[in-house]
Amino acid sequence: MAIIGRYLLTPEIFEELESTKPGKGGEVQLTDAIDSLNKRQQVDAHEFKGRRYDIGSKIGFLTTNVEFGLKHPQTGEALKAYIKELAKH
């Protein structure tokens, strides 16, 4: 499971953050506060059904850029030709 995107939070989250104990790394975790708030009021979420790209690592960043570069109409053909030429060596 991953958290992607952004949050739309109501003002009640600030009270939850103030009463949330520090979690991993000694920091107050927003997800812990949201979970706590969910026990008192409705919290909605959207399940993402698309492909997720992890750009938090060097290889993930590179492969994502290559994939999108290949799909882009202005760069796709030139990048594909470059990769084919590079693969010969």
PDB file of N, CA and C in Angstrom:
ATOM      1  N   MET A   1       0.845  -1.167   0.000  1.00  0.00           N
ATOM      2  CA  MET A   1       0.000   0.000   0.000  1.00  0.00           C
ATOM      3  C   MET A   1       0.894   1.233   0.000  1.00  0.00           C
ATOM      4  N   ALA A   2       0.460   2.231  -0.696  1.00  0.00           N
ATOM      5  CA  ALA A   2       1.215   3.479  -0.768  1.00  0.00           C
ATOM      6  C   ALA A   2       0.268   4.654  -0.660  1.00  0.00           C
ATOM      7  N   ILE A   3       0.796   5.743  -0.196  1.00  0.00           N
ATOM      8  CA  ILE A   3       0.025   6.977  -0.148  1.00  0.00           C
ATOM      9  C   ILE A   3       0.534   7.859  -1.273  1.00  0.00           C
ATOM     10  N   ILE A   4      -0.367   8.207  -2.163  1.00  0.00           N
ATOM     11  CA  ILE A   4       0.011   9.088  -3.265  1.00  0.00           C
ATOM     12  C   ILE A   4      -0.945  10.259  -3.298  1.00  0.00           C
ATOM     13  N   GLY A   5      -0.537  11.304  -3.926  1.00  0.00           N
ATOM     14  CA  GLY A   5      -1.440  12.435  -4.083  1.00  0.00           C
ATOM     15  C   GLY A   5      -1.405  13.394  -2.921  1.00  0.00           C
ATOM     16  N   ARG A   6      -2.511  14.015  -2.713  1.00  0.00           N
ATOM     17  CA  ARG A   6      -2.611  15.083  -1.717  1.00  0.00           C
ATOM     18  C   ARG A   6      -3.787  14.851  -0.801  1.00  0.00           C
ATOM     19  N   TYR A   7      -3.855  15.657   0.231  1.00  0.00           N
ATOM     20  CA  TYR A   7      -4.926  15.563   1.214  1.00  0.00           C
ATOM     21  C   TYR A   7      -5.812  16.799   1.169  1.00  0.00           C
ATOM     22  N   LEU A   8      -7.084  16.583   1.429  1.00  0.00           N
ATOM     23  CA  LEU A   8      -8.026  17.660   1.718  1.00  0.00           C
ATOM     24  C   LEU A   8      -8.486  17.393   3.138  1.00  0.00           C
ATOM     25  N   LEU A   9      -8.010  18.193   4.066  1.00  0.00           N
ATOM     26  CA  LEU A   9      -8.266  17.939   5.482  1.00  0.00           C
ATOM     27  C   LEU A   9      -9.156  19.015   6.083  1.00  0.00           C
ATOM     28  N   THR A  10      -9.953  18.598   7.051  1.00  0.00           N
ATOM     29  CA  THR A  10     -10.788  19.543   7.786  1.00  0.00           C
ATOM     30  C   THR A  10      -9.988  20.073   8.974  1.00  0.00           C
ATOM     31  N   PRO A  11     -10.408  21.174   9.572  1.00  0.00           N
ATOM     32  CA  PRO A  11      -9.662  21.754  10.697  1.00  0.00           C
ATOM     33  C   PRO A  11      -9.488  20.806  11.888  1.00  0.00           C
ATOM     34  N   GLU A  12     -10.350  19.806  12.004  1.00  0.00           N
ATOM     35  CA  GLU A  12     -10.243  18.864  13.128  1.00  0.00           C
ATOM     36  C   GLU A  12      -8.914  18.118  13.141  1.00  0.00           C
ATOM     37  N   ILE A  13      -8.246  18.040  12.013  1.00  0.00           N
ATOM     38  CA  ILE A  13      -6.980  17.315  11.964  1.00  0.00           C
ATOM     39  C   ILE A  13      -5.927  17.952  12.862  1.00  0.00           C
ATOM     40  N   PHE A  14      -6.016  19.265  13.073  1.00  0.00           N
ATOM     41  CA  PHE A  14      -5.010  19.937  13.909  1.00  0.00           C
ATOM     42  C   PHE A  14      -5.116  19.505  15.365  1.00  0.00           C
ATOM     43  N   GLU A  15      -6.341  19.298  15.846  1.00  0.00           N
ATOM     44  CA  GLU A  15      -6.527  18.782  17.206  1.00  0.00           C
ATOM     45  C   GLU A  15      -5.955  17.373  17.313  1.00  0.00           C
ATOM     46  N   GLU A  16      -6.180  16.575  16.280  1.00  0.00           N
ATOM     47  CA  GLU A  16      -5.646  15.208  16.285  1.00  0.00           C
ATOM     48  C   GLU A  16      -4.126  15.216  16.280  1.00  0.00           C
ATOM     49  N   LEU A  17      -3.542  16.076  15.492  1.00  0.00           N
ATOM     50  CA  LEU A  17      -2.081  16.155  15.441  1.00  0.00           C
ATOM     51  C   LEU A  17      -1.499  16.543  16.794  1.00  0.00           C
ATOM     52  N   GLU A  18      -2.167  17.445  17.495  1.00  0.00           N
ATOM     53  CA  GLU A  18      -1.686  17.871  18.814  1.00  0.00           C
ATOM     54  C   GLU A  18      -1.721  16.737  19.827  1.00  0.00           C
ATOM     55  N   SER A  19      -2.680  15.826  19.689  1.00  0.00           N
ATOM     56  CA  SER A  19      -2.802  14.738  20.665  1.00  0.00           C
ATOM     57  C   SER A  19      -2.175  13.428  20.181  1.00  0.00           C
ATOM     58  N   THR A  20      -1.607  13.426  18.989  1.00  0.00           N
ATOM     59  CA  THR A  20      -0.977  12.220  18.449  1.00  0.00           C
ATOM     60  C   THR A  20       0.447  12.102  18.969  1.00  0.00           C
ATOM     61  N   LYS A  21       0.761  10.914  19.496  1.00  0.00           N
ATOM     62  CA  LYS A  21       2.109  10.678  20.019  1.00  0.00           C
ATOM     63  C   LYS A  21       3.075  10.450  18.862  1.00  0.00           C
ATOM     64  N   PRO A  22       4.331  10.852  19.044  1.00  0.00           N
ATOM     65  CA  PRO A  22       5.328  10.638  17.993  1.00  0.00           C
ATOM     66  C   PRO A  22       5.436   9.161  17.619  1.00  0.00           C
ATOM     67  N   GLY A  23       5.623   8.909  16.351  1.00  0.00           N
ATOM     68  CA  GLY A  23       5.752   7.545  15.854  1.00  0.00           C
ATOM     69  C   GLY A  23       7.167   7.271  15.408  1.00  0.00           C
ATOM     70  N   LYS A  24       7.291   6.601  14.289  1.00  0.00           N
ATOM     71  CA  LYS A  24       8.590   6.224  13.743  1.00  0.00           C
ATOM     72  C   LYS A  24       9.474   7.453  13.563  1.00  0.00           C
ATOM     73  N   GLY A  25      10.696   7.352  14.010  1.00  0.00           N
ATOM     74  CA  GLY A  25      11.641   8.451  13.878  1.00  0.00           C
ATOM     75  C   GLY A  25      11.400   9.583  14.857  1.00  0.00           C
ATOM     76  N   GLY A  26      10.484   9.376  15.814  1.00  0.00           N
ATOM     77  CA  GLY A  26      10.209  10.402  16.808  1.00  0.00           C
ATOM     78  C   GLY A  26       9.365  11.551  16.290  1.00  0.00           C
ATOM     79  N   GLU A  27       8.760  11.377  15.127  1.00  0.00           N
ATOM     80  CA  GLU A  27       7.940  12.438  14.540  1.00  0.00           C
ATOM     81  C   GLU A  27       6.465  12.079  14.625  1.00  0.00           C
ATOM     82  N   VAL A  28       5.634  13.098  14.733  1.00  0.00           N
ATOM     83  CA  VAL A  28       4.194  12.890  14.686  1.00  0.00           C
ATOM     84  C   VAL A  28       3.833  12.581  13.237  1.00  0.00           C
ATOM     85  N   GLN A  29       3.155  11.465  13.043  1.00  0.00           N
ATOM     86  CA  GLN A  29       2.807  11.018  11.700  1.00  0.00           C
ATOM     87  C   GLN A  29       1.393  11.458  11.335  1.00  0.00           C
ATOM     88  N   LEU A  30       1.258  12.097  10.194  1.00  0.00           N
ATOM     89  CA  LEU A  30      -0.053  12.535   9.721  1.00  0.00           C
ATOM     90  C   LEU A  30      -0.995  11.349   9.568  1.00  0.00           C
ATOM     91  N   THR A  31      -0.467  10.226   9.076  1.00  0.00           N
ATOM     92  CA  THR A  31      -1.323   9.053   8.888  1.00  0.00           C
ATOM     93  C   THR A  31      -1.884   8.552  10.209  1.00  0.00           C
ATOM     94  N   ASP A  32      -1.114   8.647  11.287  1.00  0.00           N
ATOM     95  CA  ASP A  32      -1.623   8.257  12.609  1.00  0.00           C
ATOM     96  C   ASP A  32      -2.755   9.179  13.034  1.00  0.00           C
ATOM     97  N   ALA A  33      -2.609  10.467  12.786  1.00  0.00           N
ATOM     98  CA  ALA A  33      -3.652  11.431  13.146  1.00  0.00           C
ATOM     99  C   ALA A  33      -4.912  11.196  12.314  1.00  0.00           C
ATOM    100  N   ILE A  34      -4.751  10.890  11.047  1.00  0.00           N
ATOM    101  CA  ILE A  34      -5.907  10.604  10.190  1.00  0.00           C
ATOM    102  C   ILE A  34      -6.613   9.344  10.674  1.00  0.00           C
ATOM    103  N   ASP A  35      -5.850   8.323  11.032  1.00  0.00           N
ATOM    104  CA  ASP A  35      -6.436   7.084  11.548  1.00  0.00           C
ATOM    105  C   ASP A  35      -7.217   7.345  12.827  1.00  0.00           C
ATOM    106  N   SER A  36      -6.662   8.147  13.708  1.00  0.00           N
ATOM    107  CA  SER A  36      -7.348   8.501  14.954  1.00  0.00           C
ATOM    108  C   SER A  36      -8.626   9.288  14.671  1.00  0.00           C
ATOM    109  N   LEU A  37      -8.547  10.232  13.763  1.00  0.00           N
ATOM    110  CA  LEU A  37      -9.717  11.033  13.394  1.00  0.00           C
ATOM    111  C   LEU A  37     -10.805  10.149  12.790  1.00  0.00           C
ATOM    112  N   ASN A  38     -10.395   9.144  12.039  1.00  0.00           N
ATOM    113  CA  ASN A  38     -11.336   8.224  11.402  1.00  0.00           C
ATOM    114  C   ASN A  38     -12.166   7.448  12.421  1.00  0.00           C
ATOM    115  N   LYS A  39     -11.671   7.319  13.621  1.00  0.00           N
ATOM    116  CA  LYS A  39     -12.419   6.628  14.678  1.00  0.00           C
ATOM    117  C   LYS A  39     -13.535   7.496  15.233  1.00  0.00           C
ATOM    118  N   ARG A  40     -13.474   8.801  14.989  1.00  0.00           N
ATOM    119  CA  ARG A  40     -14.483   9.728  15.521  1.00  0.00           C
ATOM    120  C   ARG A  40     -15.386  10.320  14.451  1.00  0.00           C
ATOM    121  N   GLN A  41     -14.905  10.394  13.231  1.00  0.00           N
ATOM    122  CA  GLN A  41     -15.727  10.947  12.154  1.00  0.00           C
ATOM    123  C   GLN A  41     -15.339  10.289  10.840  1.00  0.00           C
ATOM    124  N   GLN A  42     -16.166  10.464   9.855  1.00  0.00           N
ATOM    125  CA  GLN A  42     -15.916   9.854   8.559  1.00  0.00           C
ATOM    126  C   GLN A  42     -14.704  10.489   7.886  1.00  0.00           C
ATOM    127  N   VAL A  43     -13.829   9.631   7.392  1.00  0.00           N
ATOM    128  CA  VAL A  43     -12.677  10.051   6.596  1.00  0.00           C
ATOM    129  C   VAL A  43     -12.786   9.312   5.269  1.00  0.00           C
ATOM    130  N   ASP A  44     -12.799  10.035   4.190  1.00  0.00           N
ATOM    131  CA  ASP A  44     -12.946   9.433   2.867  1.00  0.00           C
ATOM    132  C   ASP A  44     -11.593   9.284   2.187  1.00  0.00           C
ATOM    133  N   ALA A  45     -11.498   8.286   1.336  1.00  0.00           N
ATOM    134  CA  ALA A  45     -10.280   8.043   0.566  1.00  0.00           C
ATOM    135  C   ALA A  45     -10.680   7.636  -0.843  1.00  0.00           C
ATOM    136  N   HIS A  46      -9.741   7.709  -1.741  1.00  0.00           N
ATOM    137  CA  HIS A  46      -9.965   7.280  -3.117  1.00  0.00           C
ATOM    138  C   HIS A  46      -8.947   6.199  -3.438  1.00  0.00           C
ATOM    139  N   GLU A  47      -9.417   5.046  -3.914  1.00  0.00           N
ATOM    140  CA  GLU A  47      -8.513   3.967  -4.282  1.00  0.00           C
ATOM    141  C   GLU A  47      -7.991   4.209  -5.697  1.00  0.00           C
ATOM    142  N   PHE A  48      -6.694   4.376  -5.801  1.00  0.00           N
ATOM    143  CA  PHE A  48      -6.039   4.626  -7.085  1.00  0.00           C
ATOM    144  C   PHE A  48      -5.869   3.305  -7.821  1.00  0.00           C
ATOM    145  N   LYS A  49      -6.318   3.247  -9.051  1.00  0.00           N
ATOM    146  CA  LYS A  49      -6.245   2.006  -9.818  1.00  0.00           C
ATOM    147  C   LYS A  49      -5.262   2.087 -10.988  1.00  0.00           C
ATOM    148  N   GLY A  50      -4.474   3.130 -11.037  1.00  0.00           N
ATOM    149  CA  GLY A  50      -3.509   3.290 -12.117  1.00  0.00           C
ATOM    150  C   GLY A  50      -2.170   2.666 -11.772  1.00  0.00           C
ATOM    151  N   ARG A  51      -1.193   2.934 -12.596  1.00  0.00           N
ATOM    152  CA  ARG A  51       0.162   2.448 -12.349  1.00  0.00           C
ATOM    153  C   ARG A  51       0.892   3.442 -11.456  1.00  0.00           C
ATOM    154  N   ARG A  52       1.648   2.921 -10.506  1.00  0.00           N
ATOM    155  CA  ARG A  52       2.391   3.759  -9.576  1.00  0.00           C
ATOM    156  C   ARG A  52       3.869   3.718  -9.953  1.00  0.00           C
ATOM    157  N   TYR A  53       4.494   4.868  -9.916  1.00  0.00           N
ATOM    158  CA  TYR A  53       5.919   4.980 -10.217  1.00  0.00           C
ATOM    159  C   TYR A  53       6.651   5.402  -8.955  1.00  0.00           C
ATOM    160  N   ASP A  54       7.680   4.640  -8.597  1.00  0.00           N
ATOM    161  CA  ASP A  54       8.467   4.955  -7.409  1.00  0.00           C
ATOM    162  C   ASP A  54       9.717   5.708  -7.849  1.00  0.00           C
ATOM    163  N   ILE A  55       9.731   7.017  -7.622  1.00  0.00           N
ATOM    164  CA  ILE A  55      10.903   7.804  -8.009  1.00  0.00           C
ATOM    165  C   ILE A  55      11.764   8.138  -6.795  1.00  0.00           C
ATOM    166  N   GLY A  56      11.591   7.350  -5.742  1.00  0.00           N
ATOM    167  CA  GLY A  56      12.373   7.557  -4.530  1.00  0.00           C
ATOM    168  C   GLY A  56      13.733   6.890  -4.568  1.00  0.00           C
ATOM    169  N   SER A  57      14.016   6.140  -5.618  1.00  0.00           N
ATOM    170  CA  SER A  57      15.339   5.529  -5.778  1.00  0.00           C
ATOM    171  C   SER A  57      15.914   5.991  -7.117  1.00  0.00           C
ATOM    172  N   LYS A  58      17.203   5.851  -7.268  1.00  0.00           N
ATOM    173  CA  LYS A  58      17.845   6.292  -8.512  1.00  0.00           C
ATOM    174  C   LYS A  58      17.323   5.505  -9.708  1.00  0.00           C
ATOM    175  N   ILE A  59      17.223   4.172  -9.569  1.00  0.00           N
ATOM    176  CA  ILE A  59      16.766   3.365 -10.700  1.00  0.00           C
ATOM    177  C   ILE A  59      15.290   3.627 -10.996  1.00  0.00           C
ATOM    178  N   GLY A  60      14.493   3.822  -9.971  1.00  0.00           N
ATOM    179  CA  GLY A  60      13.083   4.146 -10.182  1.00  0.00           C
ATOM    180  C   GLY A  60      12.907   5.470 -10.892  1.00  0.00           C
ATOM    181  N   PHE A  61      13.701   6.449 -10.506  1.00  0.00           N
ATOM    182  CA  PHE A  61      13.657   7.763 -11.154  1.00  0.00           C
ATOM    183  C   PHE A  61      14.040   7.645 -12.628  1.00  0.00           C
ATOM    184  N   LEU A  62      15.126   6.914 -12.897  1.00  0.00           N
ATOM    185  CA  LEU A  62      15.598   6.767 -14.279  1.00  0.00           C
ATOM    186  C   LEU A  62      14.604   6.000 -15.148  1.00  0.00           C
ATOM    187  N   THR A  63      14.114   4.859 -14.654  1.00  0.00           N
ATOM    188  CA  THR A  63      13.204   4.056 -15.470  1.00  0.00           C
ATOM    189  C   THR A  63      11.890   4.785 -15.730  1.00  0.00           C
ATOM    190  N   THR A  64      11.418   5.540 -14.766  1.00  0.00           N
ATOM    191  CA  THR A  64      10.195   6.328 -14.965  1.00  0.00           C
ATOM    192  C   THR A  64      10.407   7.375 -16.041  1.00  0.00           C
ATOM    193  N   ASN A  65      11.531   8.066 -15.990  1.00  0.00           N
ATOM    194  CA  ASN A  65      11.817   9.088 -16.999  1.00  0.00           C
ATOM    195  C   ASN A  65      11.969   8.478 -18.389  1.00  0.00           C
ATOM    196  N   VAL A  66      12.612   7.319 -18.477  1.00  0.00           N
ATOM    197  CA  VAL A  66      12.748   6.657 -19.773  1.00  0.00           C
ATOM    198  C   VAL A  66      11.374   6.260 -20.305  1.00  0.00           C
ATOM    199  N   GLU A  67      10.542   5.660 -19.444  1.00  0.00           N
ATOM    200  CA  GLU A  67       9.211   5.237 -19.890  1.00  0.00           C
ATOM    201  C   GLU A  67       8.385   6.410 -20.403  1.00  0.00           C
ATOM    202  N   PHE A  68       8.366   7.494 -19.641  1.00  0.00           N
ATOM    203  CA  PHE A  68       7.593   8.657 -20.074  1.00  0.00           C
ATOM    204  C   PHE A  68       8.231   9.331 -21.287  1.00  0.00           C
ATOM    205  N   GLY A  69       9.555   9.318 -21.344  1.00  0.00           N
ATOM    206  CA  GLY A  69      10.236   9.875 -22.508  1.00  0.00           C
ATOM    207  C   GLY A  69       9.910   9.109 -23.774  1.00  0.00           C
ATOM    208  N   LEU A  70       9.788   7.783 -23.668  1.00  0.00           N
ATOM    209  CA  LEU A  70       9.435   6.966 -24.826  1.00  0.00           C
ATOM    210  C   LEU A  70       7.995   7.196 -25.270  1.00  0.00           C
ATOM    211  N   LYS A  71       7.124   7.512 -24.332  1.00  0.00           N
ATOM    212  CA  LYS A  71       5.708   7.737 -24.650  1.00  0.00           C
ATOM    213  C   LYS A  71       5.437   9.138 -25.191  1.00  0.00           C
ATOM    214  N   HIS A  72       6.334  10.074 -24.917  1.00  0.00           N
ATOM    215  CA  HIS A  72       6.081  11.466 -25.284  1.00  0.00           C
ATOM    216  C   HIS A  72       6.241  11.664 -26.792  1.00  0.00           C
ATOM    217  N   PRO A  73       5.283  12.342 -27.429  1.00  0.00           N
ATOM    218  CA  PRO A  73       5.345  12.526 -28.886  1.00  0.00           C
ATOM    219  C   PRO A  73       6.548  13.331 -29.367  1.00  0.00           C
ATOM    220  N   GLN A  74       7.089  14.197 -28.539  1.00  0.00           N
ATOM    221  CA  GLN A  74       8.228  15.018 -28.974  1.00  0.00           C
ATOM    222  C   GLN A  74       9.574  14.337 -28.746  1.00  0.00           C
ATOM    223  N   THR A  75       9.620  13.314 -27.905  1.00  0.00           N
ATOM    224  CA  THR A  75      10.905  12.693 -27.579  1.00  0.00           C
ATOM    225  C   THR A  75      10.957  11.193 -27.834  1.00  0.00           C
ATOM    226  N   GLY A  76       9.800  10.561 -27.992  1.00  0.00           N
ATOM    227  CA  GLY A  76       9.725   9.100 -28.057  1.00  0.00           C
ATOM    228  C   GLY A  76      10.599   8.459 -29.117  1.00  0.00           C
ATOM    229  N   GLU A  77      10.465   8.892 -30.351  1.00  0.00           N
ATOM    230  CA  GLU A  77      11.215   8.261 -31.448  1.00  0.00           C
ATOM    231  C   GLU A  77      12.717   8.476 -31.302  1.00  0.00           C
ATOM    232  N   ALA A  78      13.126   9.669 -30.963  1.00  0.00           N
ATOM    233  CA  ALA A  78      14.558   9.954 -30.810  1.00  0.00           C
ATOM    234  C   ALA A  78      15.148   9.171 -29.639  1.00  0.00           C
ATOM    235  N   LEU A  79      14.413   9.072 -28.549  1.00  0.00           N
ATOM    236  CA  LEU A  79      14.906   8.327 -27.386  1.00  0.00           C
ATOM    237  C   LEU A  79      14.989   6.843 -27.703  1.00  0.00           C
ATOM    238  N   LYS A  80      13.995   6.317 -28.406  1.00  0.00           N
ATOM    239  CA  LYS A  80      14.009   4.906 -28.793  1.00  0.00           C
ATOM    240  C   LYS A  80      15.223   4.616 -29.677  1.00  0.00           C
ATOM    241  N   ALA A  81      15.496   5.482 -30.641  1.00  0.00           N
ATOM    242  CA  ALA A  81      16.656   5.309 -31.521  1.00  0.00           C
ATOM    243  C   ALA A  81      17.954   5.355 -30.718  1.00  0.00           C
ATOM    244  N   TYR A  82      18.028   6.266 -29.767  1.00  0.00           N
ATOM    245  CA  TYR A  82      19.218   6.388 -28.925  1.00  0.00           C
ATOM    246  C   TYR A  82      19.432   5.114 -28.106  1.00  0.00           C
ATOM    247  N   ILE A  83      18.370   4.596 -27.521  1.00  0.00           N
ATOM    248  CA  ILE A  83      18.484   3.389 -26.695  1.00  0.00           C
ATOM    249  C   ILE A  83      18.903   2.195 -27.551  1.00  0.00           C
ATOM    250  N   LYS A  84      18.333   2.074 -28.750  1.00  0.00           N
ATOM    251  CA  LYS A  84      18.721   0.980 -29.651  1.00  0.00           C
ATOM    252  C   LYS A  84      20.199   1.073 -30.013  1.00  0.00           C
ATOM    253  N   GLU A  85      20.654   2.266 -30.309  1.00  0.00           N
ATOM    254  CA  GLU A  85      22.069   2.471 -30.647  1.00  0.00           C
ATOM    255  C   GLU A  85      22.958   2.173 -29.441  1.00  0.00           C
ATOM    256  N   LEU A  86      22.542   2.617 -28.299  1.00  0.00           N
ATOM    257  CA  LEU A  86      23.300   2.390 -27.068  1.00  0.00           C
ATOM    258  C   LEU A  86      23.394   0.900 -26.745  1.00  0.00           C
ATOM    259  N   ALA A  87      22.327   0.152 -27.015  1.00  0.00           N
ATOM    260  CA  ALA A  87      22.288  -1.279 -26.714  1.00  0.00           C
ATOM    261  C   ALA A  87      23.237  -2.087 -27.597  1.00  0.00           C
ATOM    262  N   LYS A  88      23.635  -1.539 -28.724  1.00  0.00           N
ATOM    263  CA  LYS A  88      24.560  -2.230 -29.628  1.00  0.00           C
ATOM    264  C   LYS A  88      25.972  -2.298 -29.055  1.00  0.00           C
ATOM    265  N   HIS A  89      26.282  -1.397 -28.151  1.00  0.00           N
ATOM    266  CA  HIS A  89      27.663  -1.292 -27.655  1.00  0.00           C
ATOM    267  C   HIS A  89      27.834  -1.989 -26.346  1.00  0.00           C
TER     268      HIS A  89
END
